[in-house]
N, C-alpha and C. Protein backbone atom coordinates (compact mmCIF):
# COMPACT_ATOMS: atom_id res chain seq x y z
N MET A 1 -10.80 -13.38 27.97
CA MET A 1 -11.08 -12.25 27.89
C MET A 1 -10.83 -11.00 28.62
N ASN A 2 -10.26 -10.01 28.23
CA ASN A 2 -9.42 -9.12 28.50
C ASN A 2 -10.12 -7.65 29.02
N ASP A 3 -9.50 -7.40 30.02
CA ASP A 3 -9.98 -6.14 30.41
C ASP A 3 -9.11 -4.89 30.57
N SER A 4 -8.30 -5.11 29.94
CA SER A 4 -7.60 -3.69 29.75
C SER A 4 -8.27 -2.93 28.73
N HIS A 5 -7.75 -1.21 27.97
CA HIS A 5 -8.53 -0.57 27.66
C HIS A 5 -8.47 -1.46 25.97
N CYS A 6 -9.77 -0.72 25.38
CA CYS A 6 -9.54 -1.34 24.01
C CYS A 6 -8.88 -0.77 23.24
N ARG A 7 -8.08 -1.31 21.72
CA ARG A 7 -6.95 -0.13 21.53
C ARG A 7 -7.45 0.74 20.11
N CYS A 8 -9.02 0.52 19.91
CA CYS A 8 -9.73 1.50 18.94
C CYS A 8 -9.64 2.83 19.27
N GLY A 9 -9.74 3.27 20.91
CA GLY A 9 -9.75 4.63 21.23
C GLY A 9 -11.32 4.96 22.25
N SER A 10 -12.19 3.67 22.14
CA SER A 10 -13.30 3.49 22.86
C SER A 10 -13.03 4.09 24.12
N LEU A 11 -12.42 3.69 25.19
CA LEU A 11 -12.01 3.73 26.39
C LEU A 11 -13.03 2.73 26.97
N LYS A 12 -13.59 1.98 26.59
CA LYS A 12 -14.03 0.60 27.20
C LYS A 12 -13.12 -0.51 27.40
N PRO A 13 -13.57 -1.38 28.03
CA PRO A 13 -12.73 -2.72 27.78
C PRO A 13 -12.55 -3.30 26.80
N LEU A 14 -11.50 -3.74 26.43
CA LEU A 14 -11.02 -5.03 25.24
C LEU A 14 -12.36 -5.96 25.13
N ALA A 15 -12.53 -6.59 26.50
CA ALA A 15 -13.53 -7.50 26.29
C ALA A 15 -15.49 -6.78 26.17
N GLN A 16 -15.29 -6.10 26.66
CA GLN A 16 -16.74 -5.31 25.92
C GLN A 16 -16.58 -4.29 24.72
N CYS A 17 -15.93 -4.44 24.13
CA CYS A 17 -15.81 -3.70 23.21
C CYS A 17 -15.55 -4.09 21.59
N CYS A 18 -14.22 -4.60 21.16
CA CYS A 18 -13.60 -5.41 19.95
C CYS A 18 -13.11 -6.92 20.13
N GLU A 19 -12.79 -7.33 21.17
CA GLU A 19 -13.01 -8.59 21.37
C GLU A 19 -13.56 -9.64 21.13
N PRO A 20 -14.79 -9.27 21.52
CA PRO A 20 -16.21 -10.38 20.94
C PRO A 20 -16.01 -10.25 19.50
N PHE A 21 -16.09 -9.36 19.20
CA PHE A 21 -15.88 -9.67 17.50
C PHE A 21 -14.85 -10.12 16.89
N ILE A 22 -13.09 -9.79 17.22
CA ILE A 22 -12.39 -10.56 16.89
C ILE A 22 -12.44 -12.46 16.91
N HIS A 23 -12.78 -12.28 18.49
CA HIS A 23 -13.12 -13.64 18.20
C HIS A 23 -14.49 -14.70 17.82
N GLY A 24 -14.80 -13.77 17.14
CA GLY A 24 -16.15 -14.23 16.37
C GLY A 24 -17.60 -14.88 17.16
N LEU A 25 -17.29 -13.93 18.46
CA LEU A 25 -18.60 -14.47 19.62
C LEU A 25 -19.96 -13.31 19.08
N SER A 26 -19.56 -12.11 18.53
CA SER A 26 -21.03 -11.50 18.09
C SER A 26 -20.12 -10.80 16.43
N ASN A 27 -20.72 -10.16 16.11
CA ASN A 27 -20.62 -9.37 14.40
C ASN A 27 -20.87 -7.82 14.86
N PRO A 28 -20.02 -7.10 14.55
CA PRO A 28 -20.30 -5.48 14.32
C PRO A 28 -21.59 -5.02 13.99
N GLU A 29 -22.19 -4.44 14.82
CA GLU A 29 -23.16 -3.91 14.15
C GLU A 29 -23.53 -2.56 13.31
N THR A 30 -21.79 -2.04 13.36
CA THR A 30 -22.13 -0.58 12.44
C THR A 30 -20.51 -1.11 11.82
N ALA A 31 -20.80 -0.08 10.61
CA ALA A 31 -19.47 0.08 9.60
C ALA A 31 -17.98 0.93 10.72
N GLU A 32 -18.73 1.67 12.02
CA GLU A 32 -17.60 1.83 12.41
C GLU A 32 -17.01 1.08 13.48
N GLN A 33 -18.17 0.00 14.10
CA GLN A 33 -17.55 -1.08 14.85
C GLN A 33 -16.89 -1.79 14.13
N LEU A 34 -17.09 -2.14 13.01
CA LEU A 34 -15.62 -2.82 12.21
C LEU A 34 -14.58 -2.42 12.12
N MET A 35 -14.77 -0.96 11.65
CA MET A 35 -13.51 -0.34 10.95
C MET A 35 -12.40 -0.26 12.92
N ARG A 36 -13.18 -0.07 13.86
CA ARG A 36 -12.03 -0.27 15.28
C ARG A 36 -12.00 -1.55 15.10
N SER A 37 -12.74 -2.59 15.50
CA SER A 37 -11.94 -3.76 15.39
C SER A 37 -10.87 -4.48 14.54
N ARG A 38 -11.12 -3.69 13.39
CA ARG A 38 -9.88 -4.03 12.24
C ARG A 38 -8.76 -3.70 13.05
N PHE A 39 -9.16 -2.07 13.26
CA PHE A 39 -7.63 -1.45 13.55
C PHE A 39 -7.49 -2.36 14.84
N THR A 40 -7.95 -2.82 15.79
CA THR A 40 -7.92 -3.61 17.29
C THR A 40 -6.87 -4.79 16.62
N ALA A 41 -7.81 -5.47 15.60
CA ALA A 41 -7.06 -6.64 15.23
C ALA A 41 -5.56 -6.49 14.75
N PHE A 42 -5.65 -5.33 14.19
CA PHE A 42 -4.03 -4.95 13.59
C PHE A 42 -3.19 -4.95 14.77
N THR A 43 -2.98 -4.43 15.81
CA THR A 43 -2.86 -4.12 16.80
C THR A 43 -2.07 -5.30 17.65
N LEU A 44 -3.19 -6.51 17.50
CA LEU A 44 -3.09 -7.33 18.13
C LEU A 44 -2.35 -8.66 17.60
N HIS A 45 -2.31 -8.00 16.19
CA HIS A 45 -1.77 -9.51 14.70
C HIS A 45 -2.63 -10.46 14.65
N GLU A 46 -3.91 -10.19 15.20
CA GLU A 46 -5.24 -10.99 14.59
C GLU A 46 -5.38 -10.91 13.11
N PHE A 47 -4.71 -11.48 12.57
CA PHE A 47 -4.88 -11.01 11.35
C PHE A 47 -6.26 -11.99 10.64
N GLN A 48 -6.06 -13.49 10.76
CA GLN A 48 -7.00 -13.66 10.47
C GLN A 48 -8.60 -13.10 10.04
N TYR A 49 -9.08 -12.27 11.39
CA TYR A 49 -10.00 -11.40 11.45
C TYR A 49 -10.13 -10.82 10.49
N LEU A 50 -8.92 -9.85 10.04
CA LEU A 50 -8.47 -8.95 9.04
C LEU A 50 -8.73 -9.60 7.67
N ILE A 51 -8.86 -10.11 7.57
CA ILE A 51 -9.04 -11.54 6.01
C ILE A 51 -10.79 -11.52 6.20
N ASP A 52 -10.67 -12.19 7.56
CA ASP A 52 -12.69 -12.77 7.60
C ASP A 52 -13.14 -11.30 7.26
N THR A 53 -13.13 -10.32 7.28
CA THR A 53 -13.70 -9.31 7.62
C THR A 53 -13.56 -8.21 6.24
N HIS A 54 -12.97 -9.02 5.43
CA HIS A 54 -12.27 -8.01 4.15
C HIS A 54 -13.44 -8.76 3.15
N HIS A 55 -14.23 -7.94 2.05
CA HIS A 55 -15.19 -8.68 1.51
C HIS A 55 -14.32 -9.95 0.19
N PRO A 56 -15.46 -10.64 0.04
CA PRO A 56 -14.27 -11.93 -0.56
C PRO A 56 -13.28 -11.45 -1.65
N SER A 57 -14.85 -10.56 -2.67
CA SER A 57 -14.40 -10.31 -3.94
C SER A 57 -13.01 -9.86 -3.79
N LYS A 58 -12.57 -8.94 -2.60
CA LYS A 58 -11.28 -8.33 -2.54
C LYS A 58 -10.16 -9.23 -2.01
N ARG A 59 -10.19 -10.43 -1.44
CA ARG A 59 -9.11 -10.81 -0.98
C ARG A 59 -8.33 -12.05 -1.60
N GLN A 60 -7.42 -12.08 -1.67
CA GLN A 60 -5.58 -12.53 -2.19
C GLN A 60 -5.54 -13.78 -1.48
N THR A 61 -4.79 -14.82 -2.24
CA THR A 61 -4.03 -16.03 -1.66
C THR A 61 -3.51 -15.76 -0.88
N THR A 62 -2.83 -14.21 -0.83
CA THR A 62 -1.33 -14.41 -0.52
C THR A 62 -1.59 -13.11 1.05
N ASP A 63 -2.65 -12.72 0.94
CA ASP A 63 -3.34 -11.50 2.39
C ASP A 63 -2.26 -12.43 3.62
N LEU A 64 -2.61 -13.49 4.14
CA LEU A 64 -2.19 -13.65 5.23
C LEU A 64 -1.10 -13.66 5.30
N LEU A 65 0.13 -14.03 4.89
CA LEU A 65 1.82 -13.81 4.47
C LEU A 65 1.86 -12.62 4.39
N GLU A 66 1.26 -11.75 3.34
CA GLU A 66 1.56 -10.18 3.75
C GLU A 66 1.14 -9.49 4.61
N LEU A 67 0.98 -10.19 5.62
CA LEU A 67 0.21 -9.16 7.25
C LEU A 67 1.14 -9.42 7.49
N GLN A 68 1.45 -11.08 7.71
CA GLN A 68 2.44 -11.78 9.05
C GLN A 68 3.94 -11.17 8.60
N SER A 69 4.21 -11.07 7.23
CA SER A 69 5.90 -10.86 7.04
C SER A 69 5.71 -9.27 7.49
N GLY A 70 5.04 -8.46 7.69
CA GLY A 70 5.23 -6.80 7.78
C GLY A 70 4.80 -6.63 9.06
N SER A 71 4.34 -6.97 9.73
CA SER A 71 3.97 -6.94 11.47
C SER A 71 4.78 -6.69 12.48
N ASP A 72 6.07 -7.24 12.21
CA ASP A 72 7.14 -6.97 12.97
C ASP A 72 8.39 -6.03 13.26
N LYS A 73 7.93 -5.00 12.47
CA LYS A 73 8.51 -3.41 12.04
C LYS A 73 7.53 -2.76 12.70
N THR A 74 6.24 -3.26 12.41
CA THR A 74 4.67 -2.22 12.67
C THR A 74 4.34 -1.86 13.70
N THR A 75 3.87 -1.25 14.58
CA THR A 75 3.24 -1.23 15.83
C THR A 75 2.18 0.16 15.98
N TRP A 76 0.91 -0.31 15.41
CA TRP A 76 -0.14 0.80 15.56
C TRP A 76 -0.29 1.11 16.71
N PHE A 77 -1.13 2.62 16.78
CA PHE A 77 -1.24 2.84 18.41
C PHE A 77 -1.75 3.74 18.58
N LYS A 78 -2.84 4.54 17.33
CA LYS A 78 -3.88 5.17 17.90
C LYS A 78 -4.21 4.99 16.77
N LEU A 79 -6.15 5.53 16.61
CA LEU A 79 -7.16 5.69 15.91
C LEU A 79 -8.04 6.55 15.92
N THR A 80 -7.68 7.84 15.30
CA THR A 80 -8.60 8.76 15.32
C THR A 80 -10.01 8.55 14.04
N ILE A 81 -11.25 8.52 14.02
CA ILE A 81 -12.61 8.37 13.51
C ILE A 81 -12.93 10.05 13.09
N HIS A 82 -12.84 10.24 11.24
CA HIS A 82 -12.94 11.74 11.34
C HIS A 82 -13.95 11.46 10.96
N ARG A 83 -14.96 10.88 10.27
CA ARG A 83 -16.42 11.40 9.92
C ARG A 83 -16.73 9.67 9.51
N ILE A 84 -18.11 9.73 9.55
CA ILE A 84 -18.93 8.62 9.21
C ILE A 84 -19.93 8.99 8.31
N LYS A 85 -20.40 8.31 7.43
CA LYS A 85 -21.17 8.69 6.45
C LYS A 85 -22.23 6.96 5.84
N LEU A 86 -23.12 7.40 6.86
CA LEU A 86 -24.58 6.14 6.63
C LEU A 86 -23.40 4.77 7.56
N GLY A 87 -23.79 3.37 7.21
CA GLY A 87 -22.83 2.60 7.58
C GLY A 87 -23.61 1.77 9.42
N LEU A 88 -25.05 2.95 9.22
CA LEU A 88 -25.76 2.12 10.67
C LEU A 88 -26.20 0.80 10.70
N ALA A 89 -26.65 0.35 11.70
CA ALA A 89 -27.24 -0.90 11.87
C ALA A 89 -28.60 -1.17 10.57
N ASN A 90 -29.07 -0.31 10.07
CA ASN A 90 -30.11 -0.43 9.07
C ASN A 90 -29.74 -0.50 7.37
N ASN A 91 -28.67 0.46 7.90
CA ASN A 91 -28.04 0.39 6.39
C ASN A 91 -27.02 -0.94 5.70
N ASP A 92 -26.97 -0.56 4.58
CA ASP A 92 -26.73 -1.72 3.92
C ASP A 92 -24.99 -1.43 3.13
N LYS A 93 -24.83 0.13 3.17
CA LYS A 93 -23.18 0.48 3.31
C LYS A 93 -23.15 1.41 4.16
N GLY A 94 -21.62 1.59 3.93
CA GLY A 94 -21.10 2.86 4.73
C GLY A 94 -19.59 3.40 4.08
N LEU A 95 -19.51 4.80 4.90
CA LEU A 95 -18.12 4.94 4.78
C LEU A 95 -17.69 5.72 6.07
N VAL A 96 -15.85 5.50 6.53
CA VAL A 96 -15.55 5.28 7.74
C VAL A 96 -14.33 6.46 6.93
N GLU A 97 -14.10 7.55 7.59
CA GLU A 97 -12.93 8.53 7.40
C GLU A 97 -12.25 8.16 8.71
N PHE A 98 -10.87 7.86 8.58
CA PHE A 98 -10.26 8.10 9.62
C PHE A 98 -8.93 7.94 9.61
N SER A 99 -7.64 8.42 10.91
CA SER A 99 -6.65 8.15 10.73
C SER A 99 -6.10 7.03 11.66
N ALA A 100 -5.04 6.37 11.55
CA ALA A 100 -4.25 4.88 12.07
C ALA A 100 -2.98 5.54 12.07
N PHE A 101 -2.48 5.73 13.35
CA PHE A 101 -1.11 6.15 13.41
C PHE A 101 -0.38 4.93 13.84
N PHE A 102 0.96 4.61 13.46
CA PHE A 102 1.93 3.78 13.85
C PHE A 102 3.17 4.06 13.78
N ASN A 103 4.26 3.14 14.60
CA ASN A 103 5.09 3.45 14.78
C ASN A 103 6.07 2.03 13.45
N GLU A 104 6.71 2.39 12.65
CA GLU A 104 7.95 1.91 12.04
C GLU A 104 9.28 1.56 11.74
N ASN A 105 9.83 1.38 12.49
CA ASN A 105 11.47 1.45 12.22
C ASN A 105 11.92 2.72 13.22
N GLY A 106 11.00 2.74 14.39
CA GLY A 106 11.70 4.28 14.86
C GLY A 106 11.15 5.44 14.20
N GLN A 107 10.16 5.50 13.21
CA GLN A 107 9.55 6.80 12.70
C GLN A 107 8.34 6.41 12.88
N PHE A 108 7.31 7.74 13.31
CA PHE A 108 6.14 7.66 12.92
C PHE A 108 5.22 7.83 11.77
N PHE A 109 4.27 7.56 11.44
CA PHE A 109 3.42 7.82 10.15
C PHE A 109 2.04 8.01 10.49
N GLU A 110 1.32 8.64 9.65
CA GLU A 110 -0.52 8.71 10.01
C GLU A 110 -0.85 7.84 8.24
N LEU A 111 -1.55 7.08 8.73
CA LEU A 111 -2.14 6.46 7.38
C LEU A 111 -3.56 7.10 7.47
N ARG A 112 -4.06 7.93 6.60
CA ARG A 112 -5.71 8.32 6.36
C ARG A 112 -5.68 7.78 5.22
N GLU A 113 -7.24 7.29 5.47
CA GLU A 113 -8.40 6.37 4.69
C GLU A 113 -9.67 6.92 4.98
N THR A 114 -10.38 6.82 3.87
CA THR A 114 -11.63 6.61 3.65
C THR A 114 -11.91 5.53 3.44
N SER A 115 -12.77 4.82 4.35
CA SER A 115 -12.87 3.08 4.07
C SER A 115 -13.99 2.66 3.62
N SER A 116 -14.50 2.06 2.51
CA SER A 116 -15.98 1.78 1.90
C SER A 116 -16.45 0.48 2.93
N PHE A 117 -17.33 0.17 3.33
CA PHE A 117 -18.26 -1.15 3.51
C PHE A 117 -19.34 -1.29 3.12
N ILE A 118 -19.83 -2.65 3.39
CA ILE A 118 -21.02 -3.56 2.81
C ILE A 118 -21.36 -4.35 3.80
N LYS A 119 -22.62 -4.51 3.92
CA LYS A 119 -23.35 -5.41 4.87
C LYS A 119 -24.27 -6.71 3.97
N GLU A 120 -23.60 -7.50 4.21
CA GLU A 120 -23.84 -8.77 3.60
C GLU A 120 -24.37 -9.84 4.58
N ALA A 121 -25.55 -10.42 4.35
CA ALA A 121 -26.22 -11.43 5.26
C ALA A 121 -25.85 -11.18 6.63
N ALA A 122 -26.55 -10.12 6.90
CA ALA A 122 -26.17 -9.12 8.46
C ALA A 122 -24.97 -9.03 8.85
N GLN A 123 -23.86 -9.22 7.91
CA GLN A 123 -22.41 -9.25 8.64
C GLN A 123 -21.44 -7.84 7.59
N TRP A 124 -21.03 -7.11 8.58
CA TRP A 124 -20.88 -5.98 7.93
C TRP A 124 -19.21 -6.62 7.29
N LEU A 125 -18.73 -5.80 6.08
CA LEU A 125 -17.28 -6.54 5.55
C LEU A 125 -16.25 -5.11 4.93
N TYR A 126 -15.15 -4.93 5.04
CA TYR A 126 -14.93 -3.98 4.78
C TYR A 126 -14.41 -4.29 3.05
N LEU A 127 -14.77 -3.28 2.31
CA LEU A 127 -14.63 -3.27 0.74
C LEU A 127 -13.56 -2.78 0.13
N GLU A 128 -13.48 -1.66 0.39
CA GLU A 128 -11.99 -0.71 -0.17
C GLU A 128 -11.79 0.16 0.32
N GLY A 129 -10.55 0.79 0.35
CA GLY A 129 -10.19 1.99 1.18
C GLY A 129 -9.33 3.02 0.46
N ASN A 130 -9.56 4.67 -0.10
CA ASN A 130 -8.68 5.41 -0.36
C ASN A 130 -7.69 5.90 0.70
N SER A 131 -6.73 5.63 0.17
CA SER A 131 -5.63 5.68 1.52
C SER A 131 -4.29 6.57 0.88
N HIS A 132 -3.49 7.86 1.97
CA HIS A 132 -1.78 7.91 1.80
C HIS A 132 -1.40 7.52 3.00
N ILE A 133 -0.12 7.80 2.85
CA ILE A 133 0.57 7.92 4.39
C ILE A 133 1.51 9.01 4.18
N GLU A 134 1.77 9.67 5.50
CA GLU A 134 2.17 10.77 5.31
C GLU A 134 3.49 10.59 6.84
N HIS A 135 4.60 10.44 6.68
CA HIS A 135 5.60 10.59 8.09
C HIS A 135 5.28 11.97 8.41
N ILE A 136 5.35 11.87 9.84
CA ILE A 136 4.85 12.74 11.16
C ILE A 136 5.74 12.73 12.20
N ASN A 137 6.13 13.64 12.97
CA ASN A 137 7.14 14.22 13.76
C ASN A 137 5.67 14.09 15.09
N LEU A 138 6.35 12.80 15.73
CA LEU A 138 5.48 12.98 17.10
C LEU A 138 6.54 13.12 18.09
N LYS A 139 5.87 14.02 19.21
CA LYS A 139 6.28 14.70 19.73
C LYS A 139 5.76 14.13 21.34
N ILE A 140 6.50 13.41 22.35
CA ILE A 140 6.11 12.70 23.52
C ILE A 140 6.62 13.23 24.68
N LYS A 141 5.83 14.22 25.86
CA LYS A 141 6.02 14.32 26.68
C LYS A 141 6.79 13.32 27.83
N ARG A 142 7.71 13.71 28.61
CA ARG A 142 7.98 12.07 29.40
C ARG A 142 7.20 11.57 30.32
N ASN A 143 5.89 12.21 30.67
CA ASN A 143 4.74 11.77 31.50
C ASN A 143 3.85 11.42 30.90
N GLU A 144 3.32 11.43 29.30
CA GLU A 144 2.31 10.93 28.89
C GLU A 144 2.55 9.62 28.77
N PRO A 145 1.48 9.32 27.87
CA PRO A 145 1.43 7.23 28.38
C PRO A 145 2.30 7.08 26.86
N CYS A 146 3.06 5.87 27.01
CA CYS A 146 3.77 5.51 25.87
C CYS A 146 2.84 4.96 24.67
N TRP A 147 3.03 5.54 23.56
CA TRP A 147 2.74 5.31 22.09
C TRP A 147 2.62 3.96 22.24
N CYS A 148 3.03 3.66 22.34
CA CYS A 148 3.11 1.68 22.23
C CYS A 148 2.11 1.06 23.05
N CYS A 149 0.80 1.68 24.03
CA CYS A 149 -0.27 1.56 24.23
C CYS A 149 0.26 0.42 25.40
N SER A 150 1.78 0.36 26.14
CA SER A 150 2.49 -0.76 27.25
C SER A 150 1.50 -0.19 28.56
N GLY A 151 0.79 0.71 28.31
CA GLY A 151 0.25 1.38 30.18
C GLY A 151 1.41 2.07 30.76
N LYS A 152 2.39 1.99 30.51
CA LYS A 152 3.79 2.86 31.08
C LYS A 152 3.43 4.36 30.37
N LYS A 153 4.47 5.15 31.51
CA LYS A 153 4.61 6.50 31.41
C LYS A 153 5.75 6.34 30.03
N PHE A 154 5.68 7.18 29.15
CA PHE A 154 6.78 7.05 28.16
C PHE A 154 8.45 7.12 28.51
N LYS A 155 8.32 7.80 29.50
CA LYS A 155 9.97 8.14 29.96
C LYS A 155 10.18 6.41 30.88
N HIS A 156 9.59 5.37 30.90
CA HIS A 156 9.73 4.19 31.85
C HIS A 156 9.28 3.17 30.34
N CYS A 157 9.54 3.75 29.87
CA CYS A 157 9.26 2.72 28.04
C CYS A 157 10.08 2.93 26.78
N HIS A 158 9.39 3.29 25.78
CA HIS A 158 10.11 3.80 24.91
C HIS A 158 11.33 4.92 24.85
N ALA A 159 11.10 5.84 25.72
CA ALA A 159 11.65 6.85 26.39
C ALA A 159 13.63 6.21 26.91
N ARG A 160 13.20 5.45 27.42
CA ARG A 160 14.81 4.47 28.22
C ARG A 160 14.90 3.69 27.12
N ILE A 161 14.16 2.97 25.65
CA ILE A 161 14.87 2.18 24.89
C ILE A 161 16.09 3.38 24.08
N GLU A 162 15.28 4.59 23.93
CA GLU A 162 15.75 5.47 22.73
C GLU A 162 17.25 5.94 23.32
N ILE A 163 16.97 6.04 24.43
CA ILE A 163 18.20 6.87 25.55
C ILE A 163 19.40 5.61 25.09
N ASN A 164 18.82 4.18 25.28
CA ASN A 164 20.02 2.87 25.90
C ASN A 164 20.35 2.87 24.07
N ALA A 165 19.74 3.51 23.37
CA ALA A 165 20.55 3.20 21.63
C ALA A 165 20.87 3.85 21.42
N ILE A 166 21.01 5.35 22.28
CA ILE A 166 21.98 6.82 21.47
C ILE A 166 23.23 6.62 22.49
N GLN A 167 23.28 5.65 23.52
CA GLN A 167 24.22 5.48 24.50
C GLN A 167 24.96 4.23 24.33
N ALA A 168 24.42 3.84 23.45
CA ALA A 168 25.52 2.03 22.72
C ALA A 168 26.24 2.35 21.16
């Protein structure tokens, strides 16, 4: 288990937040917990979890390959939950509206989505989402934490990479 902060933004240790869900030790009790754990799975490249928590009627045989093929260019780094409708432990349906921020090929984007979830056999599953992606200009101050979640300040992490790329 891991003691670092969970990537979902909860400020809890990963081992006490999304990791037990991703490793099959327990199931999310709410649609929001499933959403957060799926985001964390994207950041950790735990693609089988994403498939396992996608409703069986929506799965494709190529899902795993597609997830793996795009992962080397994309770094997911921030999740913001905007709105939750239903999706509590005593519900069987829920909606979660969120923004997921990512870096791809040195550019920053925001994926904004309203996701539908359904609970079947006491397990929450991602059903489908209505999303759009927008390019954003992200300005990070030198002493802020780096966007890549390394735990380093930006000036000691990706700012160095950018400076080296400019000098080359």
